[in-house]
Amino acid sequence: MLSLLGLVGTWTFNVLAVVQTVDFFGDLVSSGPAVSSISVDLLMVAAAGSVFILVEGRRLGLRHAWLYVVLSALTAFAFTFPLFLAMRERKLTARARANA
């Protein structure tokens, strides 16, 4: 469902940019359809990533995985998602060592 929303959301603004003959990359430094497209894109990635954090955190038994989602609102998802992935990798490595 999120992928469909992401596709429709971003391409709505992409098509609008083409119809308006907007310089897509030039538009990024001002405002317009390009900025809206990227905003929808990032919002969908953050939503899907947040679901992944919650589900994967629970599956691996990571305590307080929900804090990564909360922290993303206070900092940036570009910070919290890689941090979660690093902590996930540490947990997986620890499990592998314990089972070896």
C-alpha atoms as a PDB file:
ATOM      1  CA  MET A   1       0.000   0.000   0.000  1.00  0.00           C
ATOM      2  CA  LEU A   2       2.784   2.438   0.875  1.00  0.00           C
ATOM      3  CA  SER A   3       4.524   1.669  -2.403  1.00  0.00           C
ATOM      4  CA  LEU A   4       1.339   2.521  -4.322  1.00  0.00           C
ATOM      5  CA  LEU A   5       0.946   5.769  -2.389  1.00  0.00           C
ATOM      6  CA  GLY A   6       4.580   6.587  -3.076  1.00  0.00           C
ATOM      7  CA  LEU A   7       4.185   5.911  -6.791  1.00  0.00           C
ATOM      8  CA  VAL A   8       1.002   7.945  -7.175  1.00  0.00           C
ATOM      9  CA  GLY A   9       2.234  10.732  -4.908  1.00  0.00           C
ATOM     10  CA  THR A  10       5.589  11.240  -6.569  1.00  0.00           C
ATOM     11  CA  TRP A  11       4.452  10.764 -10.151  1.00  0.00           C
ATOM     12  CA  THR A  12       1.572  13.179  -9.697  1.00  0.00           C
ATOM     13  CA  PHE A  13       4.107  15.907  -9.047  1.00  0.00           C
ATOM     14  CA  ASN A  14       6.564  14.583 -11.643  1.00  0.00           C
ATOM     15  CA  VAL A  15       3.883  14.742 -14.339  1.00  0.00           C
ATOM     16  CA  LEU A  16       2.887  18.194 -13.140  1.00  0.00           C
ATOM     17  CA  ALA A  17       6.506  19.310 -13.509  1.00  0.00           C
ATOM     18  CA  VAL A  18       6.640  17.949 -17.063  1.00  0.00           C
ATOM     19  CA  VAL A  19       3.314  19.519 -18.040  1.00  0.00           C
ATOM     20  CA  GLN A  20       4.451  22.866 -16.641  1.00  0.00           C
ATOM     21  CA  THR A  21       7.836  22.403 -18.367  1.00  0.00           C
ATOM     22  CA  VAL A  22       9.572  23.026 -15.068  1.00  0.00           C
ATOM     23  CA  ASP A  23      13.314  22.541 -14.779  1.00  0.00           C
ATOM     24  CA  PHE A  24      13.107  19.683 -12.266  1.00  0.00           C
ATOM     25  CA  PHE A  25      16.580  20.149 -10.790  1.00  0.00           C
ATOM     26  CA  GLY A  26      16.385  23.930 -10.850  1.00  0.00           C
ATOM     27  CA  ASP A  27      13.054  23.658  -9.073  1.00  0.00           C
ATOM     28  CA  LEU A  28      14.740  21.878  -6.174  1.00  0.00           C
ATOM     29  CA  VAL A  29      16.362  25.080  -4.976  1.00  0.00           C
ATOM     30  CA  SER A  30      13.148  27.067  -5.026  1.00  0.00           C
ATOM     31  CA  SER A  31       9.776  25.364  -4.754  1.00  0.00           C
ATOM     32  CA  GLY A  32       7.236  23.622  -6.896  1.00  0.00           C
ATOM     33  CA  PRO A  33       6.405  20.126  -8.122  1.00  0.00           C
ATOM     34  CA  ALA A  34       9.960  18.795  -7.761  1.00  0.00           C
ATOM     35  CA  VAL A  35      10.063  19.678  -4.087  1.00  0.00           C
ATOM     36  CA  SER A  36       6.612  18.188  -3.554  1.00  0.00           C
ATOM     37  CA  SER A  37       7.645  14.997  -5.350  1.00  0.00           C
ATOM     38  CA  ILE A  38      10.737  14.582  -3.206  1.00  0.00           C
ATOM     39  CA  SER A  39       8.740  15.354  -0.065  1.00  0.00           C
ATOM     40  CA  VAL A  40       6.225  12.614  -0.872  1.00  0.00           C
ATOM     41  CA  ASP A  41       9.088  10.268  -1.760  1.00  0.00           C
ATOM     42  CA  LEU A  42      10.854  10.823   1.552  1.00  0.00           C
ATOM     43  CA  LEU A  43       7.621  10.592   3.513  1.00  0.00           C
ATOM     44  CA  MET A  44       6.811   7.189   2.019  1.00  0.00           C
ATOM     45  CA  VAL A  45      10.356   5.924   2.641  1.00  0.00           C
ATOM     46  CA  ALA A  46      10.193   7.116   6.238  1.00  0.00           C
ATOM     47  CA  ALA A  47       6.790   5.482   6.749  1.00  0.00           C
ATOM     48  CA  ALA A  48       7.924   2.145   5.299  1.00  0.00           C
ATOM     49  CA  GLY A  49      11.225   2.341   7.182  1.00  0.00           C
ATOM     50  CA  SER A  50       9.408   3.074  10.427  1.00  0.00           C
ATOM     51  CA  VAL A  51       7.246  -0.006   9.977  1.00  0.00           C
ATOM     52  CA  PHE A  52      10.393  -2.029   9.252  1.00  0.00           C
ATOM     53  CA  ILE A  53      12.069  -0.683  12.398  1.00  0.00           C
ATOM     54  CA  LEU A  54       9.114  -1.625  14.571  1.00  0.00           C
ATOM     55  CA  VAL A  55       8.602  -5.095  13.078  1.00  0.00           C
ATOM     56  CA  GLU A  56      12.283  -6.002  12.819  1.00  0.00           C
ATOM     57  CA  GLY A  57      13.019  -4.580  16.246  1.00  0.00           C
ATOM     58  CA  ARG A  58      10.334  -6.764  17.776  1.00  0.00           C
ATOM     59  CA  ARG A  59      11.478  -9.823  15.793  1.00  0.00           C
ATOM     60  CA  LEU A  60      15.055  -9.437  17.017  1.00  0.00           C
ATOM     61  CA  GLY A  61      14.113  -8.496  20.551  1.00  0.00           C
ATOM     62  CA  LEU A  62      15.677  -5.042  20.339  1.00  0.00           C
ATOM     63  CA  ARG A  63      14.515  -3.095  23.349  1.00  0.00           C
ATOM     64  CA  HIS A  64      12.928   0.282  22.694  1.00  0.00           C
ATOM     65  CA  ALA A  65      13.070   0.048  18.900  1.00  0.00           C
ATOM     66  CA  TRP A  66      10.187   2.518  18.800  1.00  0.00           C
ATOM     67  CA  LEU A  67      12.619   5.195  20.002  1.00  0.00           C
ATOM     68  CA  TYR A  68      14.250   5.228  16.570  1.00  0.00           C
ATOM     69  CA  VAL A  69      10.913   6.288  15.074  1.00  0.00           C
ATOM     70  CA  VAL A  70      10.430   8.978  17.716  1.00  0.00           C
ATOM     71  CA  LEU A  71      14.015  10.185  17.305  1.00  0.00           C
ATOM     72  CA  SER A  72      13.500  10.511  13.564  1.00  0.00           C
ATOM     73  CA  ALA A  73      10.915  13.219  14.244  1.00  0.00           C
ATOM     74  CA  LEU A  74      13.407  15.050  16.451  1.00  0.00           C
ATOM     75  CA  THR A  75      16.501  14.586  14.301  1.00  0.00           C
ATOM     76  CA  ALA A  76      16.124  13.063  10.833  1.00  0.00           C
ATOM     77  CA  PHE A  77      15.185   9.690   9.417  1.00  0.00           C
ATOM     78  CA  ALA A  78      18.447   9.867   7.454  1.00  0.00           C
ATOM     79  CA  PHE A  79      20.156   9.629  10.851  1.00  0.00           C
ATOM     80  CA  THR A  80      17.951   7.183  12.753  1.00  0.00           C
ATOM     81  CA  PHE A  81      17.456   4.571  10.019  1.00  0.00           C
ATOM     82  CA  PRO A  82      21.192   3.934   9.451  1.00  0.00           C
ATOM     83  CA  LEU A  83      21.643   3.953  13.241  1.00  0.00           C
ATOM     84  CA  PHE A  84      18.930   1.306  13.566  1.00  0.00           C
ATOM     85  CA  LEU A  85      20.559  -0.763  10.805  1.00  0.00           C
ATOM     86  CA  ALA A  86      23.892  -0.593  12.626  1.00  0.00           C
ATOM     87  CA  MET A  87      22.309  -1.698  15.920  1.00  0.00           C
ATOM     88  CA  ARG A  88      20.435  -4.448  14.049  1.00  0.00           C
ATOM     89  CA  GLU A  89      23.717  -5.678  12.566  1.00  0.00           C
ATOM     90  CA  ARG A  90      25.325  -5.717  16.011  1.00  0.00           C
ATOM     91  CA  LYS A  91      22.433  -7.802  17.338  1.00  0.00           C
ATOM     92  CA  LEU A  92      22.639 -10.242  14.408  1.00  0.00           C
ATOM     93  CA  THR A  93      26.408 -10.582  14.840  1.00  0.00           C
ATOM     94  CA  ALA A  94      26.015 -11.223  18.570  1.00  0.00           C
ATOM     95  CA  ARG A  95      23.389 -13.893  17.862  1.00  0.00           C
ATOM     96  CA  ALA A  96      25.627 -15.570  15.272  1.00  0.00           C
ATOM     97  CA  ARG A  97      28.558 -15.658  17.706  1.00  0.00           C
ATOM     98  CA  ALA A  98      26.368 -17.067  20.450  1.00  0.00           C
ATOM     99  CA  ASN A  99      25.127 -19.842  18.148  1.00  0.00           C
ATOM    100  CA  ALA A 100      28.606 -20.722  16.842  1.00  0.00           C
END
